[in-house]
Amino acid sequence: MSGMRNAIYVTLAAISFALGVIGLFLPVMPTTCFMLAAVWLASRGSPRFANWIRNHPRFGPPIQSWERERAIPRHAKIMAVIMLGVSCAIIAFTVSLWPLKVGLILGLAGLALWIVTRPLPSLQCPVRGVWSEEAPERR
């Protein structure tokens, strides 16, 4: 049963990773949140896959910043707030039910506020190689 559970986690991690890669090319689709989900899922099914994502040259730094400091890079904050603003505008013009419209816009505005209040990554973060496969506490 453990093998089946690991396979499910790895499959979901691979799907999340693929969605994150797609997000590199589609500006309306996020990348980092899918990569964070991929790392979380992979760490339960394949620590080696999780470490590979953490140490990936493109995807690793924002993931490591989040895991170590709960920090979001400035460019990611800007993009997220812009996309949330666009989403609010679309909702304002397309959703006809006022309670739903107001609720969605307030929820997205709250999310934007939360994102903006996260710290920026420190200069020394992330440090490469800390998530090596040899680290027993990460297994």
Protein backbone atom coordinates (compact mmCIF):
# COMPACT_ATOMS: atom_id res chain seq x y z
CA MET A 1 0.00 0.00 0.00
CA SER A 2 2.91 2.36 0.72
CA GLY A 3 4.19 1.90 -2.83
CA MET A 4 0.79 2.83 -4.24
CA ARG A 5 0.62 5.93 -2.02
CA ASN A 6 4.12 6.98 -3.10
CA ALA A 7 3.16 6.53 -6.75
CA ILE A 8 0.11 8.74 -6.26
CA TYR A 9 2.19 11.46 -4.59
CA VAL A 10 4.82 11.31 -7.33
CA THR A 11 2.17 11.41 -10.06
CA LEU A 12 0.49 14.45 -8.50
CA ALA A 13 3.91 16.08 -8.01
CA ALA A 14 4.74 15.51 -11.69
CA ILE A 15 1.41 17.01 -12.77
CA SER A 16 1.95 20.02 -10.52
CA PHE A 17 5.50 20.41 -11.83
CA ALA A 18 4.24 20.27 -15.44
CA LEU A 19 1.61 22.93 -14.67
CA GLY A 20 4.36 25.09 -13.17
CA VAL A 21 6.46 24.73 -16.32
CA ILE A 22 3.44 25.71 -18.42
CA GLY A 23 3.15 28.76 -16.18
CA LEU A 24 6.53 29.93 -17.46
CA PHE A 25 5.00 30.43 -20.89
CA LEU A 26 1.47 31.51 -19.98
CA PRO A 27 1.45 34.78 -18.04
CA VAL A 28 -2.00 34.08 -16.56
CA MET A 29 -0.86 30.82 -14.97
CA PRO A 30 1.30 30.85 -11.82
CA THR A 31 4.55 28.92 -11.62
CA THR A 32 5.78 29.11 -8.03
CA CYS A 33 2.60 27.87 -6.34
CA PHE A 34 2.58 24.78 -8.58
CA MET A 35 6.28 24.21 -7.83
CA LEU A 36 5.63 24.53 -4.10
CA ALA A 37 2.83 21.98 -4.42
CA ALA A 38 5.14 19.73 -6.46
CA VAL A 39 7.84 19.88 -3.76
CA TRP A 40 5.33 19.16 -1.00
CA LEU A 41 3.86 16.20 -2.88
CA ALA A 42 7.23 14.88 -4.01
CA SER A 43 8.65 15.07 -0.50
CA ARG A 44 6.00 12.53 0.53
CA GLY A 45 6.51 10.20 -2.43
CA SER A 46 10.04 10.82 -3.70
CA PRO A 47 12.44 12.93 -1.65
CA ARG A 48 14.90 12.68 -4.53
CA PHE A 49 12.40 14.38 -6.89
CA ALA A 50 11.67 17.04 -4.23
CA ASN A 51 15.39 17.76 -3.83
CA TRP A 52 15.81 17.96 -7.59
CA ILE A 53 13.09 20.64 -7.76
CA ARG A 54 14.56 22.52 -4.76
CA ASN A 55 17.99 22.60 -6.40
CA HIS A 56 16.78 23.35 -9.93
CA PRO A 57 18.51 26.51 -11.25
CA ARG A 58 15.22 28.12 -12.37
CA PHE A 59 12.64 26.83 -9.89
CA GLY A 60 14.77 26.25 -6.79
CA PRO A 61 15.54 29.77 -5.55
CA PRO A 62 11.94 30.95 -5.02
CA ILE A 63 11.02 27.62 -3.45
CA GLN A 64 13.99 27.75 -1.08
CA SER A 65 13.20 31.36 -0.21
CA TRP A 66 9.65 30.39 0.68
CA GLU A 67 10.62 27.31 2.67
CA ARG A 68 13.33 29.07 4.67
CA GLU A 69 11.96 32.56 5.15
CA ARG A 70 8.36 32.54 3.88
CA ALA A 71 9.71 35.22 1.52
CA ILE A 72 8.47 36.18 -1.94
CA PRO A 73 10.75 37.91 -4.49
CA ARG A 74 9.74 41.41 -5.59
CA HIS A 75 9.14 40.44 -9.23
CA ALA A 76 6.80 37.64 -8.13
CA LYS A 77 4.88 40.03 -5.87
CA ILE A 78 4.47 42.54 -8.68
CA MET A 79 3.27 39.90 -11.14
CA ALA A 80 0.88 38.38 -8.60
CA VAL A 81 -0.67 41.74 -7.70
CA ILE A 82 -1.04 42.68 -11.38
CA MET A 83 -2.73 39.37 -12.18
CA LEU A 84 -5.00 39.64 -9.14
CA GLY A 85 -5.95 43.16 -10.26
CA VAL A 86 -6.76 41.89 -13.75
CA SER A 87 -8.83 39.10 -12.20
CA CYS A 88 -10.73 41.62 -10.09
CA ALA A 89 -11.47 43.72 -13.18
CA ILE A 90 -12.70 40.68 -15.09
CA ILE A 91 -14.91 39.66 -12.16
CA ALA A 92 -16.26 43.22 -11.86
CA PHE A 93 -17.42 43.18 -15.48
CA THR A 94 -18.54 39.57 -15.86
CA VAL A 95 -20.08 38.39 -12.58
CA SER A 96 -23.67 39.55 -12.26
CA LEU A 97 -24.47 38.42 -8.71
CA TRP A 98 -23.41 41.28 -6.45
CA PRO A 99 -22.72 39.23 -3.31
CA LEU A 100 -20.53 36.84 -5.30
CA LYS A 101 -18.80 39.70 -7.13
CA VAL A 102 -18.04 41.59 -3.92
CA GLY A 103 -16.94 38.43 -2.10
CA LEU A 104 -14.55 37.39 -4.87
CA ILE A 105 -13.05 40.86 -5.23
CA LEU A 106 -12.59 41.23 -1.47
CA GLY A 107 -11.02 37.77 -1.29
CA LEU A 108 -8.58 38.54 -4.11
CA ALA A 109 -7.77 41.93 -2.58
CA GLY A 110 -7.05 40.21 0.73
CA LEU A 111 -4.78 37.74 -1.05
CA ALA A 112 -2.94 40.62 -2.75
CA LEU A 113 -2.47 42.33 0.62
CA TRP A 114 -1.13 39.12 2.14
CA ILE A 115 1.33 38.67 -0.75
CA VAL A 116 2.57 42.26 -0.51
CA THR A 117 3.18 41.91 3.24
CA ARG A 118 5.42 38.82 2.87
CA PRO A 119 9.11 39.64 3.32
CA LEU A 120 11.58 39.83 0.47
CA PRO A 121 14.24 37.09 0.40
CA SER A 122 17.45 37.92 2.23
CA LEU A 123 20.64 38.19 0.21
CA GLN A 124 22.10 34.97 1.60
CA CYS A 125 18.96 32.99 0.86
CA PRO A 126 18.81 30.58 -0.80
CA VAL A 127 22.00 28.70 -0.19
CA ARG A 128 22.63 25.97 -2.72
CA GLY A 129 23.22 22.41 -1.64
CA VAL A 130 21.53 22.52 1.77
CA TRP A 131 18.77 20.24 0.53
CA SER A 132 21.16 17.53 -0.57
CA GLU A 133 19.98 13.95 -0.70
CA GLU A 134 22.39 13.08 2.10
CA ALA A 135 20.59 15.29 4.62
CA PRO A 136 18.71 12.73 6.76
CA GLU A 137 16.41 15.30 8.37
CA ARG A 138 14.86 16.12 4.96
CA ARG A 139 13.85 12.52 4.16
